[in-house]
Each structure stands twice: as C-alpha cells, then as structure tokens.
PDB file of N, CA and C in Angstrom:
ATOM      1  N   MET A   1      85.473  21.458-137.549  1.00  0.00           N
ATOM      2  CA  MET A   1      84.594  22.003-136.541  1.00  0.00           C
ATOM      3  C   MET A   1      85.184  21.832-135.136  1.00  0.00           C
ATOM      4  N   SER A   2      85.542  20.644-134.799  1.00  0.00           N
ATOM      5  CA  SER A   2      86.119  20.440-133.476  1.00  0.00           C
ATOM      6  C   SER A   2      87.586  20.069-133.628  1.00  0.00           C
ATOM      7  N   GLU A   3      88.348  20.576-132.713  1.00  0.00           N
ATOM      8  CA  GLU A   3      89.777  20.294-132.753  1.00  0.00           C
ATOM      9  C   GLU A   3      90.107  19.226-131.727  1.00  0.00           C
ATOM     10  N   GLU A   4      90.977  18.352-132.104  1.00  0.00           N
ATOM     11  CA  GLU A   4      91.401  17.293-131.196  1.00  0.00           C
ATOM     12  C   GLU A   4      92.779  17.655-130.666  1.00  0.00           C
ATOM     13  N   VAL A   5      92.910  17.613-129.365  1.00  0.00           N
ATOM     14  CA  VAL A   5      94.184  17.947-128.742  1.00  0.00           C
ATOM     15  C   VAL A   5      94.954  16.652-128.521  1.00  0.00           C
ATOM     16  N   SER A   6      96.120  16.569-129.093  1.00  0.00           N
ATOM     17  CA  SER A   6      96.919  15.357-128.937  1.00  0.00           C
ATOM     18  C   SER A   6      98.210  15.624-128.178  1.00  0.00           C
ATOM     19  N   HIS A   7      98.320  16.813-127.631  1.00  0.00           N
ATOM     20  CA  HIS A   7      99.530  17.172-126.902  1.00  0.00           C
ATOM     21  C   HIS A   7      99.245  17.132-125.396  1.00  0.00           C
ATOM     22  N   VAL A   8     100.052  16.380-124.680  1.00  0.00           N
ATOM     23  CA  VAL A   8      99.915  16.293-123.227  1.00  0.00           C
ATOM     24  C   VAL A   8     101.191  16.839-122.610  1.00  0.00           C
ATOM     25  N   GLU A   9     101.015  17.777-121.712  1.00  0.00           N
ATOM     26  CA  GLU A   9     102.175  18.362-121.046  1.00  0.00           C
ATOM     27  C   GLU A   9     102.369  17.677-119.701  1.00  0.00           C
ATOM     28  N   VAL A  10     103.511  17.099-119.495  1.00  0.00           N
ATOM     29  CA  VAL A  10     103.811  16.375-118.264  1.00  0.00           C
ATOM     30  C   VAL A  10     104.495  17.328-117.294  1.00  0.00           C
ATOM     31  N   GLN A  11     103.934  17.419-116.100  1.00  0.00           N
ATOM     32  CA  GLN A  11     104.504  18.265-115.065  1.00  0.00           C
ATOM     33  C   GLN A  11     105.498  17.445-114.240  1.00  0.00           C
ATOM     34  N   PRO A  12     106.583  18.048-113.798  1.00  0.00           N
ATOM     35  CA  PRO A  12     107.516  17.308-112.941  1.00  0.00           C
ATOM     36  C   PRO A  12     106.889  17.039-111.574  1.00  0.00           C
ATOM     37  N   VAL A  13     107.314  15.960-110.973  1.00  0.00           N
ATOM     38  CA  VAL A  13     106.779  15.563-109.676  1.00  0.00           C
ATOM     39  C   VAL A  13     107.312  16.514-108.608  1.00  0.00           C
ATOM     40  N   ASP A  14     106.402  16.994-107.766  1.00  0.00           N
ATOM     41  CA  ASP A  14     106.791  17.867-106.663  1.00  0.00           C
ATOM     42  C   ASP A  14     107.098  16.985-105.456  1.00  0.00           C
ATOM     43  N   LYS A  15     108.382  16.777-105.197  1.00  0.00           N
ATOM     44  CA  LYS A  15     108.811  15.857-104.136  1.00  0.00           C
ATOM     45  C   LYS A  15     108.394  16.340-102.749  1.00  0.00           C
ATOM     46  N   SER A  16     108.289  17.645-102.544  1.00  0.00           N
ATOM     47  CA  SER A  16     107.911  18.147-101.222  1.00  0.00           C
ATOM     48  C   SER A  16     106.467  17.780-100.888  1.00  0.00           C
ATOM     49  N   LYS A  17     105.584  17.798-101.882  1.00  0.00           N
ATOM     50  CA  LYS A  17     104.193  17.407-101.636  1.00  0.00           C
ATOM     51  C   LYS A  17     104.093  15.923-101.322  1.00  0.00           C
ATOM     52  N   ILE A  18     104.871  15.112-102.019  1.00  0.00           N
ATOM     53  CA  ILE A  18     104.861  13.671-101.757  1.00  0.00           C
ATOM     54  C   ILE A  18     105.384  13.399-100.348  1.00  0.00           C
ATOM     55  N   ARG A  19     106.470  14.087 -99.950  1.00  0.00           N
ATOM     56  CA  ARG A  19     106.996  13.923 -98.591  1.00  0.00           C
ATOM     57  C   ARG A  19     105.970  14.348 -97.545  1.00  0.00           C
ATOM     58  N   LEU A  20     105.236  15.422 -97.818  1.00  0.00           N
ATOM     59  CA  LEU A  20     104.214  15.882 -96.883  1.00  0.00           C
ATOM     60  C   LEU A  20     103.109  14.844 -96.734  1.00  0.00           C
ATOM     61  N   PHE A  21     102.641  14.275 -97.846  1.00  0.00           N
ATOM     62  CA  PHE A  21     101.600  13.250 -97.773  1.00  0.00           C
ATOM     63  C   PHE A  21     102.084  12.016 -97.024  1.00  0.00           C
ATOM     64  N   ILE A  22     103.319  11.614 -97.248  1.00  0.00           N
ATOM     65  CA  ILE A  22     103.868  10.452 -96.541  1.00  0.00           C
ATOM     66  C   ILE A  22     103.991  10.756 -95.054  1.00  0.00           C
ATOM     67  N   LYS A  23     104.448  11.959 -94.714  1.00  0.00           N
ATOM     68  CA  LYS A  23     104.575  12.357 -93.309  1.00  0.00           C
ATOM     69  C   LYS A  23     103.215  12.345 -92.611  1.00  0.00           C
ATOM     70  N   VAL A  24     102.216  12.947 -93.245  1.00  0.00           N
ATOM     71  CA  VAL A  24     100.870  12.988 -92.664  1.00  0.00           C
ATOM     72  C   VAL A  24     100.320  11.574 -92.502  1.00  0.00           C
ATOM     73  N   THR A  25     100.498  10.744 -93.517  1.00  0.00           N
ATOM     74  CA  THR A  25     100.003   9.371 -93.458  1.00  0.00           C
ATOM     75  C   THR A  25     100.670   8.605 -92.329  1.00  0.00           C
ATOM     76  N   LEU A  26     101.979   8.741 -92.177  1.00  0.00           N
ATOM     77  CA  LEU A  26     102.686   8.017 -91.119  1.00  0.00           C
ATOM     78  C   LEU A  26     102.281   8.496 -89.730  1.00  0.00           C
ATOM     79  N   ILE A  27     102.137   9.801 -89.559  1.00  0.00           N
ATOM     80  CA  ILE A  27     101.725  10.315 -88.247  1.00  0.00           C
ATOM     81  C   ILE A  27     100.335   9.804 -87.884  1.00  0.00           C
ATOM     82  N   LEU A  28      99.396   9.891 -88.821  1.00  0.00           N
ATOM     83  CA  LEU A  28      98.042   9.403 -88.547  1.00  0.00           C
ATOM     84  C   LEU A  28      98.035   7.895 -88.329  1.00  0.00           C
ATOM     85  N   PHE A  29      98.871   7.160 -89.067  1.00  0.00           N
ATOM     86  CA  PHE A  29      98.959   5.715 -88.888  1.00  0.00           C
ATOM     87  C   PHE A  29      99.461   5.367 -87.491  1.00  0.00           C
ATOM     88  N   PHE A  30     100.527   6.033 -87.033  1.00  0.00           N
ATOM     89  CA  PHE A  30     101.083   5.711 -85.727  1.00  0.00           C
ATOM     90  C   PHE A  30     100.136   6.092 -84.590  1.00  0.00           C
ATOM     91  N   VAL A  31      99.457   7.209 -84.703  1.00  0.00           N
ATOM     92  CA  VAL A  31      98.487   7.580 -83.664  1.00  0.00           C
ATOM     93  C   VAL A  31      97.341   6.571 -83.638  1.00  0.00           C
ATOM     94  N   THR A  32      96.881   6.139 -84.805  1.00  0.00           N
ATOM     95  CA  THR A  32      95.823   5.130 -84.874  1.00  0.00           C
ATOM     96  C   THR A  32      96.317   3.794 -84.343  1.00  0.00           C
ATOM     97  N   ALA A  33      97.569   3.448 -84.619  1.00  0.00           N
ATOM     98  CA  ALA A  33      98.132   2.198 -84.100  1.00  0.00           C
ATOM     99  C   ALA A  33      98.206   2.231 -82.577  1.00  0.00           C
ATOM    100  N   ILE A  34      98.564   3.385 -82.017  1.00  0.00           N
ATOM    101  CA  ILE A  34      98.582   3.524 -80.557  1.00  0.00           C
ATOM    102  C   ILE A  34      97.177   3.333 -79.997  1.00  0.00           C
ATOM    103  N   GLU A  35      96.184   3.939 -80.639  1.00  0.00           N
ATOM    104  CA  GLU A  35      94.797   3.748 -80.204  1.00  0.00           C
ATOM    105  C   GLU A  35      94.403   2.271 -80.274  1.00  0.00           C
ATOM    106  N   PHE A  36      94.803   1.606 -81.325  1.00  0.00           N
ATOM    107  CA  PHE A  36      94.465   0.194 -81.514  1.00  0.00           C
ATOM    108  C   PHE A  36      95.103  -0.663 -80.421  1.00  0.00           C
ATOM    109  N   VAL A  37      96.363  -0.407 -80.102  1.00  0.00           N
ATOM    110  CA  VAL A  37      97.050  -1.165 -79.052  1.00  0.00           C
ATOM    111  C   VAL A  37      96.389  -0.911 -77.704  1.00  0.00           C
ATOM    112  N   ILE A  38      96.069   0.329 -77.415  1.00  0.00           N
ATOM    113  CA  ILE A  38      95.421   0.662 -76.142  1.00  0.00           C
ATOM    114  C   ILE A  38      94.054  -0.008 -76.048  1.00  0.00           C
ATOM    115  N   ALA A  39      93.344  -0.074 -77.156  1.00  0.00           N
ATOM    116  CA  ALA A  39      92.003  -0.668 -77.150  1.00  0.00           C
ATOM    117  C   ALA A  39      92.034  -2.128 -76.717  1.00  0.00           C
ATOM    118  N   PHE A  40      93.096  -2.843 -77.073  1.00  0.00           N
ATOM    119  CA  PHE A  40      93.138  -4.266 -76.769  1.00  0.00           C
ATOM    120  C   PHE A  40      94.037  -4.628 -75.595  1.00  0.00           C
ATOM    121  N   THR A  41      94.719  -3.664 -74.988  1.00  0.00           N
ATOM    122  CA  THR A  41      95.589  -3.977 -73.859  1.00  0.00           C
ATOM    123  C   THR A  41      95.102  -3.399 -72.537  1.00  0.00           C
ATOM    124  N   MET A  42      94.371  -2.303 -72.570  1.00  0.00           N
ATOM    125  CA  MET A  42      93.892  -1.693 -71.331  1.00  0.00           C
ATOM    126  C   MET A  42      92.452  -2.097 -71.068  1.00  0.00           C
ATOM    127  N   GLY A  43      92.133  -2.205 -69.788  1.00  0.00           N
ATOM    128  CA  GLY A  43      90.755  -2.463 -69.418  1.00  0.00           C
ATOM    129  C   GLY A  43      89.927  -1.195 -69.533  1.00  0.00           C
ATOM    130  N   ALA A  44      88.626  -1.375 -69.487  1.00  0.00           N
ATOM    131  CA  ALA A  44      87.728  -0.223 -69.588  1.00  0.00           C
ATOM    132  C   ALA A  44      87.909   0.681 -68.373  1.00  0.00           C
ATOM    133  N   GLY A  45      87.799   1.965 -68.606  1.00  0.00           N
ATOM    134  CA  GLY A  45      87.926   2.901 -67.509  1.00  0.00           C
ATOM    135  C   GLY A  45      88.066   4.324 -68.000  1.00  0.00           C
ATOM    136  N   ALA A  46      88.167   5.218 -67.036  1.00  0.00           N
ATOM    137  CA  ALA A  46      88.234   6.642 -67.356  1.00  0.00           C
ATOM    138  C   ALA A  46      89.549   7.011 -68.036  1.00  0.00           C
ATOM    139  N   ILE A  47      90.638   6.363 -67.635  1.00  0.00           N
ATOM    140  CA  ILE A  47      91.938   6.681 -68.235  1.00  0.00           C
ATOM    141  C   ILE A  47      91.948   6.299 -69.712  1.00  0.00           C
ATOM    142  N   LYS A  48      91.416   5.129 -70.019  1.00  0.00           N
ATOM    143  CA  LYS A  48      91.359   4.678 -71.418  1.00  0.00           C
ATOM    144  C   LYS A  48      90.497   5.633 -72.248  1.00  0.00           C
ATOM    145  N   THR A  49      89.372   6.028 -71.708  1.00  0.00           N
ATOM    146  CA  THR A  49      88.492   6.956 -72.414  1.00  0.00           C
ATOM    147  C   THR A  49      89.183   8.296 -72.634  1.00  0.00           C
ATOM    148  N   PHE A  50      89.866   8.793 -71.606  1.00  0.00           N
ATOM    149  CA  PHE A  50      90.586  10.062 -71.733  1.00  0.00           C
ATOM    150  C   PHE A  50      91.666   9.975 -72.808  1.00  0.00           C
ATOM    151  N   ILE A  51      92.415   8.870 -72.832  1.00  0.00           N
ATOM    152  CA  ILE A  51      93.466   8.693 -73.842  1.00  0.00           C
ATOM    153  C   ILE A  51      92.862   8.679 -75.240  1.00  0.00           C
ATOM    154  N   PHE A  52      91.748   7.955 -75.414  1.00  0.00           N
ATOM    155  CA  PHE A  52      91.095   7.906 -76.728  1.00  0.00           C
ATOM    156  C   PHE A  52      90.622   9.288 -77.174  1.00  0.00           C
ATOM    157  N   ILE A  53      90.014  10.025 -76.271  1.00  0.00           N
ATOM    158  CA  ILE A  53      89.530  11.361 -76.617  1.00  0.00           C
ATOM    159  C   ILE A  53      90.699  12.276 -76.965  1.00  0.00           C
ATOM    160  N   ALA A  54      91.770  12.216 -76.175  1.00  0.00           N
ATOM    161  CA  ALA A  54      92.938  13.063 -76.435  1.00  0.00           C
ATOM    162  C   ALA A  54      93.576  12.729 -77.784  1.00  0.00           C
ATOM    163  N   LEU A  55      93.751  11.443 -78.080  1.00  0.00           N
ATOM    164  CA  LEU A  55      94.355  11.057 -79.356  1.00  0.00           C
ATOM    165  C   LEU A  55      93.449  11.407 -80.534  1.00  0.00           C
ATOM    166  N   THR A  56      92.148  11.299 -80.345  1.00  0.00           N
ATOM    167  CA  THR A  56      91.216  11.669 -81.407  1.00  0.00           C
ATOM    168  C   THR A  56      91.269  13.170 -81.678  1.00  0.00           C
ATOM    169  N   ILE A  57      91.374  13.962 -80.632  1.00  0.00           N
ATOM    170  CA  ILE A  57      91.487  15.415 -80.802  1.00  0.00           C
ATOM    171  C   ILE A  57      92.797  15.773 -81.498  1.00  0.00           C
ATOM    172  N   VAL A  58      93.876  15.082 -81.129  1.00  0.00           N
ATOM    173  CA  VAL A  58      95.163  15.316 -81.792  1.00  0.00           C
ATOM    174  C   VAL A  58      95.052  15.016 -83.282  1.00  0.00           C
ATOM    175  N   LYS A  59      94.447  13.879 -83.617  1.00  0.00           N
ATOM    176  CA  LYS A  59      94.288  13.534 -85.034  1.00  0.00           C
ATOM    177  C   LYS A  59      93.397  14.542 -85.755  1.00  0.00           C
ATOM    178  N   ALA A  60      92.320  14.960 -85.113  1.00  0.00           N
ATOM    179  CA  ALA A  60      91.401  15.910 -85.748  1.00  0.00           C
ATOM    180  C   ALA A  60      92.096  17.242 -86.032  1.00  0.00           C
ATOM    181  N   PHE A  61      92.840  17.759 -85.055  1.00  0.00           N
ATOM    182  CA  PHE A  61      93.539  19.021 -85.272  1.00  0.00           C
ATOM    183  C   PHE A  61      94.617  18.881 -86.339  1.00  0.00           C
ATOM    184  N   TYR A  62      95.287  17.735 -86.374  1.00  0.00           N
ATOM    185  CA  TYR A  62      96.325  17.536 -87.389  1.00  0.00           C
ATOM    186  C   TYR A  62      95.710  17.460 -88.784  1.00  0.00           C
ATOM    187  N   ILE A  63      94.592  16.768 -88.901  1.00  0.00           N
ATOM    188  CA  ILE A  63      93.907  16.666 -90.197  1.00  0.00           C
ATOM    189  C   ILE A  63      93.415  18.035 -90.650  1.00  0.00           C
ATOM    190  N   VAL A  64      92.802  18.776 -89.737  1.00  0.00           N
ATOM    191  CA  VAL A  64      92.320  20.122 -90.085  1.00  0.00           C
ATOM    192  C   VAL A  64      93.496  21.021 -90.461  1.00  0.00           C
ATOM    193  N   GLY A  65      94.583  20.908 -89.735  1.00  0.00           N
ATOM    194  CA  GLY A  65      95.742  21.745 -90.013  1.00  0.00           C
ATOM    195  C   GLY A  65      96.384  21.460 -91.352  1.00  0.00           C
ATOM    196  N   GLU A  66      96.493  20.195 -91.707  1.00  0.00           N
ATOM    197  CA  GLU A  66      97.192  19.840 -92.944  1.00  0.00           C
ATOM    198  C   GLU A  66      96.272  19.815 -94.160  1.00  0.00           C
ATOM    199  N   PHE A  67      95.161  19.096 -94.070  1.00  0.00           N
ATOM    200  CA  PHE A  67      94.324  18.912 -95.252  1.00  0.00           C
ATOM    201  C   PHE A  67      93.420  20.101 -95.543  1.00  0.00           C
ATOM    202  N   MET A  68      93.063  20.854 -94.510  1.00  0.00           N
ATOM    203  CA  MET A  68      92.261  22.051 -94.738  1.00  0.00           C
ATOM    204  C   MET A  68      93.142  23.298 -94.737  1.00  0.00           C
ATOM    205  N   HIS A  69      94.455  23.097 -94.664  1.00  0.00           N
ATOM    206  CA  HIS A  69      95.463  24.150 -94.766  1.00  0.00           C
ATOM    207  C   HIS A  69      95.314  25.219 -93.687  1.00  0.00           C
ATOM    208  N   LEU A  70      94.764  24.850 -92.546  1.00  0.00           N
ATOM    209  CA  LEU A  70      94.593  25.830 -91.479  1.00  0.00           C
ATOM    210  C   LEU A  70      95.922  26.158 -90.808  1.00  0.00           C
ATOM    211  N   SER A  71      96.865  25.221 -90.810  1.00  0.00           N
ATOM    212  CA  SER A  71      98.153  25.498 -90.173  1.00  0.00           C
ATOM    213  C   SER A  71      98.976  26.517 -90.963  1.00  0.00           C
ATOM    214  N   HIS A  72      98.582  26.783 -92.195  1.00  0.00           N
ATOM    215  CA  HIS A  72      99.301  27.747 -93.021  1.00  0.00           C
ATOM    216  C   HIS A  72      98.623  29.123 -93.025  1.00  0.00           C
ATOM    217  N   GLU A  73      97.594  29.267 -92.221  1.00  0.00           N
ATOM    218  CA  GLU A  73      96.865  30.538 -92.155  1.00  0.00           C
ATOM    219  C   GLU A  73      97.473  31.433 -91.082  1.00  0.00           C
ATOM    220  N   ARG A  74      96.931  32.613 -90.988  1.00  0.00           N
ATOM    221  CA  ARG A  74      97.365  33.543 -89.954  1.00  0.00           C
ATOM    222  C   ARG A  74      96.916  33.041 -88.586  1.00  0.00           C
ATOM    223  N   LYS A  75      97.690  33.387 -87.582  1.00  0.00           N
ATOM    224  CA  LYS A  75      97.393  32.939 -86.217  1.00  0.00           C
ATOM    225  C   LYS A  75      96.048  33.475 -85.730  1.00  0.00           C
ATOM    226  N   SER A  76      95.663  34.659 -86.144  1.00  0.00           N
ATOM    227  CA  SER A  76      94.390  35.218 -85.691  1.00  0.00           C
ATOM    228  C   SER A  76      93.215  34.387 -86.194  1.00  0.00           C
ATOM    229  N   LEU A  77      93.299  33.876 -87.420  1.00  0.00           N
ATOM    230  CA  LEU A  77      92.237  33.017 -87.941  1.00  0.00           C
ATOM    231  C   LEU A  77      92.192  31.701 -87.172  1.00  0.00           C
ATOM    232  N   ILE A  78      93.354  31.146 -86.889  1.00  0.00           N
ATOM    233  CA  ILE A  78      93.409  29.889 -86.136  1.00  0.00           C
ATOM    234  C   ILE A  78      92.784  30.075 -84.760  1.00  0.00           C
ATOM    235  N   TRP A  79      93.150  31.153 -84.075  1.00  0.00           N
ATOM    236  CA  TRP A  79      92.602  31.388 -82.741  1.00  0.00           C
ATOM    237  C   TRP A  79      91.106  31.695 -82.777  1.00  0.00           C
ATOM    238  N   SER A  80      90.641  32.340 -83.842  1.00  0.00           N
ATOM    239  CA  SER A  80      89.205  32.639 -83.933  1.00  0.00           C
ATOM    240  C   SER A  80      88.383  31.368 -84.128  1.00  0.00           C
ATOM    241  N   ILE A  81      88.989  30.314 -84.614  1.00  0.00           N
ATOM    242  CA  ILE A  81      88.299  29.028 -84.734  1.00  0.00           C
ATOM    243  C   ILE A  81      88.533  28.176 -83.493  1.00  0.00           C
ATOM    244  N   LEU A  82      89.754  28.202 -82.977  1.00  0.00           N
ATOM    245  CA  LEU A  82      90.134  27.324 -81.877  1.00  0.00           C
ATOM    246  C   LEU A  82      89.508  27.726 -80.541  1.00  0.00           C
ATOM    247  N   LEU A  83      89.542  29.002 -80.209  1.00  0.00           N
ATOM    248  CA  LEU A  83      89.032  29.433 -78.904  1.00  0.00           C
ATOM    249  C   LEU A  83      87.540  29.157 -78.706  1.00  0.00           C
ATOM    250  N   PRO A  84      86.665  29.479 -79.656  1.00  0.00           N
ATOM    251  CA  PRO A  84      85.256  29.127 -79.446  1.00  0.00           C
ATOM    252  C   PRO A  84      85.028  27.614 -79.337  1.00  0.00           C
ATOM    253  N   THR A  85      85.803  26.837 -80.086  1.00  0.00           N
ATOM    254  CA  THR A  85      85.668  25.384 -80.002  1.00  0.00           C
ATOM    255  C   THR A  85      86.051  24.887 -78.615  1.00  0.00           C
ATOM    256  N   ILE A  86      87.168  25.365 -78.099  1.00  0.00           N
ATOM    257  CA  ILE A  86      87.594  24.975 -76.754  1.00  0.00           C
ATOM    258  C   ILE A  86      86.567  25.426 -75.724  1.00  0.00           C
ATOM    259  N   PHE A  87      86.037  26.624 -75.878  1.00  0.00           N
ATOM    260  CA  PHE A  87      85.043  27.146 -74.947  1.00  0.00           C
ATOM    261  C   PHE A  87      83.775  26.296 -74.957  1.00  0.00           C
ATOM    262  N   ILE A  88      83.315  25.902 -76.130  1.00  0.00           N
ATOM    263  CA  ILE A  88      82.103  25.076 -76.226  1.00  0.00           C
ATOM    264  C   ILE A  88      82.339  23.704 -75.613  1.00  0.00           C
ATOM    265  N   VAL A  89      83.496  23.112 -75.853  1.00  0.00           N
ATOM    266  CA  VAL A  89      83.815  21.811 -75.245  1.00  0.00           C
ATOM    267  C   VAL A  89      83.869  21.950 -73.729  1.00  0.00           C
ATOM    268  N   PHE A  90      84.448  23.042 -73.236  1.00  0.00           N
ATOM    269  CA  PHE A  90      84.486  23.298 -71.803  1.00  0.00           C
ATOM    270  C   PHE A  90      83.073  23.431 -71.234  1.00  0.00           C
ATOM    271  N   LEU A  91      82.200  24.151 -71.926  1.00  0.00           N
ATOM    272  CA  LEU A  91      80.819  24.296 -71.459  1.00  0.00           C
ATOM    273  C   LEU A  91      80.092  22.953 -71.434  1.00  0.00           C
ATOM    274  N   ILE A  92      80.331  22.114 -72.418  1.00  0.00           N
ATOM    275  CA  ILE A  92      79.717  20.781 -72.435  1.00  0.00           C
ATOM    276  C   ILE A  92      80.216  19.959 -71.253  1.00  0.00           C
ATOM    277  N   PHE A  93      81.526  20.040 -70.969  1.00  0.00           N
ATOM    278  CA  PHE A  93      82.081  19.315 -69.826  1.00  0.00           C
ATOM    279  C   PHE A  93      81.448  19.794 -68.522  1.00  0.00           C
ATOM    280  N   ILE A  94      81.348  21.101 -68.336  1.00  0.00           N
ATOM    281  CA  ILE A  94      80.737  21.660 -67.121  1.00  0.00           C
ATOM    282  C   ILE A  94      79.277  21.230 -67.011  1.00  0.00           C
ATOM    283  N   LEU A  95      78.552  21.253 -68.121  1.00  0.00           N
ATOM    284  CA  LEU A  95      77.153  20.829 -68.123  1.00  0.00           C
ATOM    285  C   LEU A  95      77.023  19.364 -67.707  1.00  0.00           C
ATOM    286  N   MET A  96      77.885  18.519 -68.231  1.00  0.00           N
ATOM    287  CA  MET A  96      77.840  17.099 -67.864  1.00  0.00           C
ATOM    288  C   MET A  96      78.194  16.903 -66.388  1.00  0.00           C
ATOM    289  N   TYR A  97      79.181  17.646 -65.899  1.00  0.00           N
ATOM    290  CA  TYR A  97      79.594  17.538 -64.506  1.00  0.00           C
ATOM    291  C   TYR A  97      78.471  17.983 -63.571  1.00  0.00           C
ATOM    292  N   GLN A  98      77.856  19.102 -63.884  1.00  0.00           N
ATOM    293  CA  GLN A  98      76.760  19.598 -63.055  1.00  0.00           C
ATOM    294  C   GLN A  98      75.550  18.674 -63.130  1.00  0.00           C
ATOM    295  N   GLY A  99      75.280  18.146 -64.317  1.00  0.00           N
ATOM    296  CA  GLY A  99      74.170  17.206 -64.459  1.00  0.00           C
ATOM    297  C   GLY A  99      74.377  15.957 -63.629  1.00  0.00           C
ATOM    298  N   ALA A 100      75.602  15.450 -63.603  1.00  0.00           N
ATOM    299  CA  ALA A 100      75.905  14.267 -62.790  1.00  0.00           C
ATOM    300  C   ALA A 100      75.766  14.586 -61.306  1.00  0.00           C
ATOM    301  N   ALA A 101      76.182  15.779 -60.894  1.00  0.00           N
ATOM    302  CA  ALA A 101      76.062  16.165 -59.489  1.00  0.00           C
ATOM    303  C   ALA A 101      74.598  16.290 -59.086  1.00  0.00           C
ATOM    304  N   ILE A 102      73.785  16.891 -59.922  1.00  0.00           N
ATOM    305  CA  ILE A 102      72.353  17.022 -59.624  1.00  0.00           C
ATOM    306  C   ILE A 102      71.691  15.652 -59.601  1.00  0.00           C
ATOM    307  N   TYR A 103      72.079  14.772 -60.500  1.00  0.00           N
ATOM    308  CA  TYR A 103      71.523  13.413 -60.527  1.00  0.00           C
ATOM    309  C   TYR A 103      71.852  12.679 -59.230  1.00  0.00           C
ATOM    310  N   GLU A 104      73.085  12.824 -58.740  1.00  0.00           N
ATOM    311  CA  GLU A 104      73.477  12.169 -57.488  1.00  0.00           C
ATOM    312  C   GLU A 104      72.688  12.727 -56.305  1.00  0.00           C
ATOM    313  N   ILE A 105      72.413  14.020 -56.308  1.00  0.00           N
ATOM    314  CA  ILE A 105      71.658  14.627 -55.215  1.00  0.00           C
ATOM    315  C   ILE A 105      70.216  14.134 -55.222  1.00  0.00           C
ATOM    316  N   LEU A 106      69.612  14.038 -56.396  1.00  0.00           N
ATOM    317  CA  LEU A 106      68.203  13.665 -56.496  1.00  0.00           C
ATOM    318  C   LEU A 106      67.965  12.163 -56.337  1.00  0.00           C
ATOM    319  N   HIS A 107      68.961  11.354 -56.591  1.00  0.00           N
ATOM    320  CA  HIS A 107      68.743   9.904 -56.499  1.00  0.00           C
ATOM    321  C   HIS A 107      69.585   9.323 -55.444  1.00  0.00           C
TER     322      HIS A 107
END
C-alpha cells in the first residue's frame, strides 16, 4: 500500500552561496561592531544619533537587498520602492522640524 523511499540524493555544495552568506554575515557584523564601539566611546549627542541612524539604514538596505533579493531586481522596481520611502522619511523630518519651530515660538 505505501512505498518507503530509501534513496537520498545528495546535492553538491554551492560554494558561491556559502561565500555570499559569509560575506553578508561579515559585513553586518562589522557594521554592528562599529555601532557597538560608538555606543560606548562617544558621548550622547546629535552626531552619535546621526551615525546610529545612518548605520541602521545602511544595514536595513543591505538586508533588504540581499535577503529579499531586491538588489537582483530591475532598477525601476528598486526606485519605485526607494523613492517613496525617501520621500516619506523627508516629510517626517520636515514635520518634526516645523513642529519644533512652532513649539519654540509658543513656549
């Protein structure tokens, strides 16, 4: 009634995929290590915050590019995702800047 499969086919190791995973892991490790060093060596301030945000964005784009395979897509698809994201972040920045200016005027 039921058949038992006792044959296992072994696939050869794809060395390029292993190299890619090691490369991605090392890049993310070094960027995180830089963040860790900055966290414990610099005092609090706007420069430290800017560096953290910039490094986090770099890591996020690298992760999206490699693990979600966006870097292997057509440029038009990448730009259709990237431009609205940049625009929304810009609008949030402008909103925060204007809100701070209005707060300073009122108080």
